[in-house]
Protein backbone atom coordinates (compact mmCIF):
# COMPACT_ATOMS: atom_id res chain seq x y z
CA MET A 1 -97.30 -69.25 -245.78
CA THR A 2 -95.40 -70.36 -243.27
CA ALA A 3 -92.40 -72.12 -242.76
CA LYS A 4 -93.75 -74.95 -240.80
CA GLU A 5 -96.69 -75.27 -243.01
CA ILE A 6 -94.45 -75.39 -246.29
CA ARG A 7 -92.41 -78.18 -244.67
CA GLU A 8 -94.85 -80.27 -244.35
CA LEU A 9 -95.62 -80.56 -247.77
CA SER A 10 -94.06 -82.81 -250.59
CA ALA A 11 -91.10 -81.66 -252.84
CA GLU A 12 -93.62 -81.29 -255.79
CA GLU A 13 -96.28 -79.40 -254.31
CA ILE A 14 -93.43 -77.12 -253.26
CA VAL A 15 -92.35 -76.77 -256.99
CA THR A 16 -95.96 -76.67 -258.09
CA LYS A 17 -96.33 -73.40 -255.06
CA ILE A 18 -93.16 -71.81 -257.15
CA ARG A 19 -94.85 -71.79 -260.30
CA GLU A 20 -98.01 -70.39 -258.76
CA THR A 21 -96.93 -68.05 -256.63
CA ARG A 22 -94.25 -66.72 -259.75
CA ASP A 23 -97.38 -66.65 -261.62
CA GLN A 24 -99.25 -64.16 -259.44
CA LEU A 25 -96.39 -61.86 -259.14
CA LEU A 26 -96.20 -61.99 -262.77
CA HIS A 27 -100.01 -61.04 -263.01
CA LEU A 28 -99.02 -58.63 -260.46
CA ARG A 29 -96.38 -56.70 -262.25
CA LEU A 30 -98.04 -56.74 -265.18
CA ARG A 31 -101.48 -54.79 -263.45
CA LYS A 32 -99.22 -52.83 -261.57
CA GLN A 33 -97.80 -51.25 -265.17
CA THR A 34 -101.43 -50.91 -265.84
CA GLY A 35 -102.48 -48.94 -263.05
CA GLN A 36 -104.73 -51.56 -261.17
CA VAL A 37 -103.20 -52.31 -258.26
CA GLU A 38 -103.75 -50.53 -254.80
CA LYS A 39 -101.77 -52.59 -252.46
CA THR A 40 -98.64 -52.62 -253.82
CA HIS A 41 -96.98 -54.51 -250.69
CA GLU A 42 -98.17 -58.10 -251.59
CA MET A 43 -95.85 -58.05 -254.34
CA ARG A 44 -93.13 -57.68 -252.08
CA ASN A 45 -95.04 -60.54 -249.60
CA LEU A 46 -95.09 -63.08 -252.98
CA ARG A 47 -91.31 -62.13 -253.73
CA LYS A 48 -90.69 -63.42 -249.70
CA ASP A 49 -92.73 -66.53 -250.00
CA ILE A 50 -90.64 -67.31 -253.30
CA ALA A 51 -87.84 -67.09 -251.48
CA ARG A 52 -89.43 -68.89 -248.12
CA PHE A 53 -90.12 -71.74 -250.67
CA ALA A 54 -87.03 -72.23 -252.38
CA THR A 55 -85.01 -72.04 -249.13
CA ILE A 56 -87.09 -75.18 -247.74
CA GLN A 57 -86.82 -76.43 -251.32
CA LYS A 58 -82.79 -76.39 -250.73
CA GLU A 59 -82.91 -77.74 -247.22
CA LYS A 60 -85.13 -80.37 -248.36
CA GLN A 61 -82.59 -81.46 -251.51
CA ARG A 62 -80.09 -81.46 -248.83
CA ALA A 63 -81.04 -83.06 -246.36
CA PRO A 64 -80.88 -87.21 -247.88
CA ALA A 65 -77.51 -85.98 -248.92
CA ALA A 66 -75.80 -85.38 -245.33
CA ALA A 67 -77.58 -88.33 -243.29
């Protein structure tokens, strides 16, 4: 998901997306431990997505305070 798409989401939707992505990452880590993951690069993508969500969430929290 791109930053532009994330910025269009509401604050509640961002929180939900973070939760879902962290859950996906957890399941992927568990599958990796059992040797069931072939595409290990997906873990890196999920971590970057979580960081992207968190960054934009923080931007939205600070925007009203700055105005």
